Amino acid sequence: MRNRFDRQLLKLNQEMIDMGSLCEEMITAAAKIVATRDKELMEDIFTMEEEINQKERDIERICMKLLMQQQPVASDLRVISAAMKMVSDMERIGDQACDITGIVKKDAEVL
């Protein structure tokens, strides 16, 4: 039983890393969009936003499954609760990168 729980925690960790990497890509892309007004990159960032939203749902699902099925205590519970907090912050980072892109896109249309 504990082996399964440990595998699920590893999967949670990997999903968090993947989502963090995607956020990093979005921040880099948003900065590049501000500098270059690259329309193709603008479309990419909107696609990445959808991926971020899906990752958030997937990670929350993993966390809830771990909480309900395994009833973790101590350090495991702290890891899961921290993941739930971080995932909402990372989703917000994705939203903000998307918002920056939207502002640049509107600005480019005006000019």
C-alpha atoms as a PDB file:
ATOM      1  CA  MET A   1       0.000   0.000   0.000  1.00  0.00           C
ATOM      2  CA  ARG A   2       2.790   2.427   0.876  1.00  0.00           C
ATOM      3  CA  ASN A   3       4.581   1.676  -2.421  1.00  0.00           C
ATOM      4  CA  ARG A   4       1.499   2.792  -4.330  1.00  0.00           C
ATOM      5  CA  PHE A   5       1.276   5.946  -2.213  1.00  0.00           C
ATOM      6  CA  ASP A   6       4.956   6.693  -2.835  1.00  0.00           C
ATOM      7  CA  ARG A   7       4.448   6.253  -6.590  1.00  0.00           C
ATOM      8  CA  GLN A   8       1.509   8.651  -6.487  1.00  0.00           C
ATOM      9  CA  LEU A   9       3.612  11.192  -4.570  1.00  0.00           C
ATOM     10  CA  LEU A  10       6.343  10.863  -7.201  1.00  0.00           C
ATOM     11  CA  LYS A  11       3.768  11.408  -9.925  1.00  0.00           C
ATOM     12  CA  LEU A  12       2.518  14.501  -8.079  1.00  0.00           C
ATOM     13  CA  ASN A  13       6.083  15.781  -7.834  1.00  0.00           C
ATOM     14  CA  GLN A  14       6.707  15.230 -11.549  1.00  0.00           C
ATOM     15  CA  GLU A  15       3.458  16.949 -12.511  1.00  0.00           C
ATOM     16  CA  MET A  16       4.417  19.939 -10.347  1.00  0.00           C
ATOM     17  CA  ILE A  17       7.827  20.111 -12.028  1.00  0.00           C
ATOM     18  CA  ASP A  18       6.202  19.926 -15.469  1.00  0.00           C
ATOM     19  CA  MET A  19       3.768  22.694 -14.589  1.00  0.00           C
ATOM     20  CA  GLY A  20       6.577  24.836 -13.190  1.00  0.00           C
ATOM     21  CA  SER A  21       8.550  24.374 -16.402  1.00  0.00           C
ATOM     22  CA  LEU A  22       5.526  25.387 -18.428  1.00  0.00           C
ATOM     23  CA  CYS A  23       5.139  28.522 -16.288  1.00  0.00           C
ATOM     24  CA  GLU A  24       8.792  29.328 -16.876  1.00  0.00           C
ATOM     25  CA  GLU A  25       8.281  28.945 -20.633  1.00  0.00           C
ATOM     26  CA  MET A  26       5.270  31.242 -20.489  1.00  0.00           C
ATOM     27  CA  ILE A  27       7.150  33.952 -18.594  1.00  0.00           C
ATOM     28  CA  THR A  28      10.020  33.787 -21.080  1.00  0.00           C
ATOM     29  CA  ALA A  29       7.592  33.863 -24.002  1.00  0.00           C
ATOM     30  CA  ALA A  30       5.667  36.811 -22.550  1.00  0.00           C
ATOM     31  CA  ALA A  31       8.898  38.779 -22.121  1.00  0.00           C
ATOM     32  CA  LYS A  32       9.873  37.988 -25.706  1.00  0.00           C
ATOM     33  CA  ILE A  33       6.416  39.001 -26.931  1.00  0.00           C
ATOM     34  CA  VAL A  34       6.762  42.377 -25.208  1.00  0.00           C
ATOM     35  CA  ALA A  35      10.088  42.914 -26.971  1.00  0.00           C
ATOM     36  CA  THR A  36       9.261  41.516 -30.417  1.00  0.00           C
ATOM     37  CA  ARG A  37       5.447  41.447 -30.756  1.00  0.00           C
ATOM     38  CA  ASP A  38       5.828  37.971 -32.296  1.00  0.00           C
ATOM     39  CA  LYS A  39       2.300  36.953 -33.378  1.00  0.00           C
ATOM     40  CA  GLU A  40       3.140  33.254 -33.674  1.00  0.00           C
ATOM     41  CA  LEU A  41       4.484  33.236 -30.133  1.00  0.00           C
ATOM     42  CA  MET A  42       1.297  34.979 -28.993  1.00  0.00           C
ATOM     43  CA  GLU A  43      -0.746  32.051 -30.274  1.00  0.00           C
ATOM     44  CA  ASP A  44       1.642  29.619 -28.575  1.00  0.00           C
ATOM     45  CA  ILE A  45       1.198  31.320 -25.228  1.00  0.00           C
ATOM     46  CA  PHE A  46      -2.592  30.998 -25.435  1.00  0.00           C
ATOM     47  CA  THR A  47      -2.130  27.277 -26.130  1.00  0.00           C
ATOM     48  CA  MET A  48       0.240  26.997 -23.153  1.00  0.00           C
ATOM     49  CA  GLU A  49      -2.433  28.661 -21.003  1.00  0.00           C
ATOM     50  CA  GLU A  50      -4.826  25.834 -21.839  1.00  0.00           C
ATOM     51  CA  GLU A  51      -2.120  23.303 -20.913  1.00  0.00           C
ATOM     52  CA  ILE A  52      -1.532  25.090 -17.590  1.00  0.00           C
ATOM     53  CA  ASN A  53      -5.243  24.983 -16.794  1.00  0.00           C
ATOM     54  CA  GLN A  54      -5.371  21.269 -17.584  1.00  0.00           C
ATOM     55  CA  LYS A  55      -2.280  20.608 -15.448  1.00  0.00           C
ATOM     56  CA  GLU A  56      -3.933  22.450 -12.561  1.00  0.00           C
ATOM     57  CA  ARG A  57      -6.995  20.213 -12.783  1.00  0.00           C
ATOM     58  CA  ASP A  58      -4.849  17.075 -13.077  1.00  0.00           C
ATOM     59  CA  ILE A  59      -2.704  17.979 -10.065  1.00  0.00           C
ATOM     60  CA  GLU A  60      -5.711  18.887  -7.949  1.00  0.00           C
ATOM     61  CA  ARG A  61      -7.253  15.543  -8.883  1.00  0.00           C
ATOM     62  CA  ILE A  62      -4.078  13.707  -7.801  1.00  0.00           C
ATOM     63  CA  CYS A  63      -4.005  15.629  -4.506  1.00  0.00           C
ATOM     64  CA  MET A  64      -7.636  14.929  -3.745  1.00  0.00           C
ATOM     65  CA  LYS A  65      -7.178  11.261  -4.582  1.00  0.00           C
ATOM     66  CA  LEU A  66      -4.190  11.064  -2.235  1.00  0.00           C
ATOM     67  CA  LEU A  67      -6.090  12.809   0.553  1.00  0.00           C
ATOM     68  CA  MET A  68      -9.206  10.677   0.237  1.00  0.00           C
ATOM     69  CA  GLN A  69      -7.668   7.278  -0.422  1.00  0.00           C
ATOM     70  CA  GLN A  70      -4.524   7.390   1.674  1.00  0.00           C
ATOM     71  CA  GLN A  71      -5.370   9.775   4.529  1.00  0.00           C
ATOM     72  CA  PRO A  72      -1.769  11.004   4.827  1.00  0.00           C
ATOM     73  CA  VAL A  73      -0.301  12.462   8.001  1.00  0.00           C
ATOM     74  CA  ALA A  74       2.679  14.638   8.943  1.00  0.00           C
ATOM     75  CA  SER A  75       5.189  15.327   6.159  1.00  0.00           C
ATOM     76  CA  ASP A  76       3.113  13.650   3.448  1.00  0.00           C
ATOM     77  CA  LEU A  77       0.131  15.831   4.311  1.00  0.00           C
ATOM     78  CA  ARG A  78       2.351  18.928   4.214  1.00  0.00           C
ATOM     79  CA  VAL A  79       3.644  17.957   0.751  1.00  0.00           C
ATOM     80  CA  ILE A  80       0.134  17.507  -0.606  1.00  0.00           C
ATOM     81  CA  SER A  81      -1.234  20.708   0.927  1.00  0.00           C
ATOM     82  CA  ALA A  82       1.789  22.668  -0.341  1.00  0.00           C
ATOM     83  CA  ALA A  83       1.207  21.251  -3.830  1.00  0.00           C
ATOM     84  CA  MET A  84      -2.403  22.410  -3.742  1.00  0.00           C
ATOM     85  CA  LYS A  85      -1.311  25.918  -2.793  1.00  0.00           C
ATOM     86  CA  MET A  86       1.491  26.050  -5.354  1.00  0.00           C
ATOM     87  CA  VAL A  87      -0.671  24.799  -8.198  1.00  0.00           C
ATOM     88  CA  SER A  88      -3.083  27.720  -7.837  1.00  0.00           C
ATOM     89  CA  ASP A  89      -0.165  30.171  -7.733  1.00  0.00           C
ATOM     90  CA  MET A  90       1.370  28.637 -10.847  1.00  0.00           C
ATOM     91  CA  GLU A  91      -1.961  28.793 -12.648  1.00  0.00           C
ATOM     92  CA  ARG A  92      -2.140  32.487 -11.776  1.00  0.00           C
ATOM     93  CA  ILE A  93       1.359  32.973 -13.205  1.00  0.00           C
ATOM     94  CA  GLY A  94       0.112  31.451 -16.450  1.00  0.00           C
ATOM     95  CA  ASP A  95      -2.906  33.762 -16.404  1.00  0.00           C
ATOM     96  CA  GLN A  96      -0.687  36.791 -15.923  1.00  0.00           C
ATOM     97  CA  ALA A  97       1.627  35.807 -18.781  1.00  0.00           C
ATOM     98  CA  CYS A  98      -1.470  35.386 -20.927  1.00  0.00           C
ATOM     99  CA  ASP A  99      -2.783  38.783 -19.786  1.00  0.00           C
ATOM    100  CA  ILE A 100       0.517  40.437 -20.746  1.00  0.00           C
ATOM    101  CA  THR A 101       0.262  38.828 -24.156  1.00  0.00           C
ATOM    102  CA  GLY A 102      -3.303  40.051 -24.544  1.00  0.00           C
ATOM    103  CA  ILE A 103      -2.258  43.624 -23.723  1.00  0.00           C
ATOM    104  CA  VAL A 104       0.591  43.504 -26.230  1.00  0.00           C
ATOM    105  CA  LYS A 105      -1.729  42.011 -28.856  1.00  0.00           C
ATOM    106  CA  LYS A 106      -4.292  44.794 -28.381  1.00  0.00           C
ATOM    107  CA  ASP A 107      -1.538  47.406 -28.425  1.00  0.00           C
ATOM    108  CA  ALA A 108      -0.158  45.971 -31.685  1.00  0.00           C
ATOM    109  CA  GLU A 109      -3.632  46.104 -33.254  1.00  0.00           C
ATOM    110  CA  VAL A 110      -3.998  49.796 -32.332  1.00  0.00           C
ATOM    111  CA  LEU A 111      -0.666  50.692 -33.891  1.00  0.00           C
END
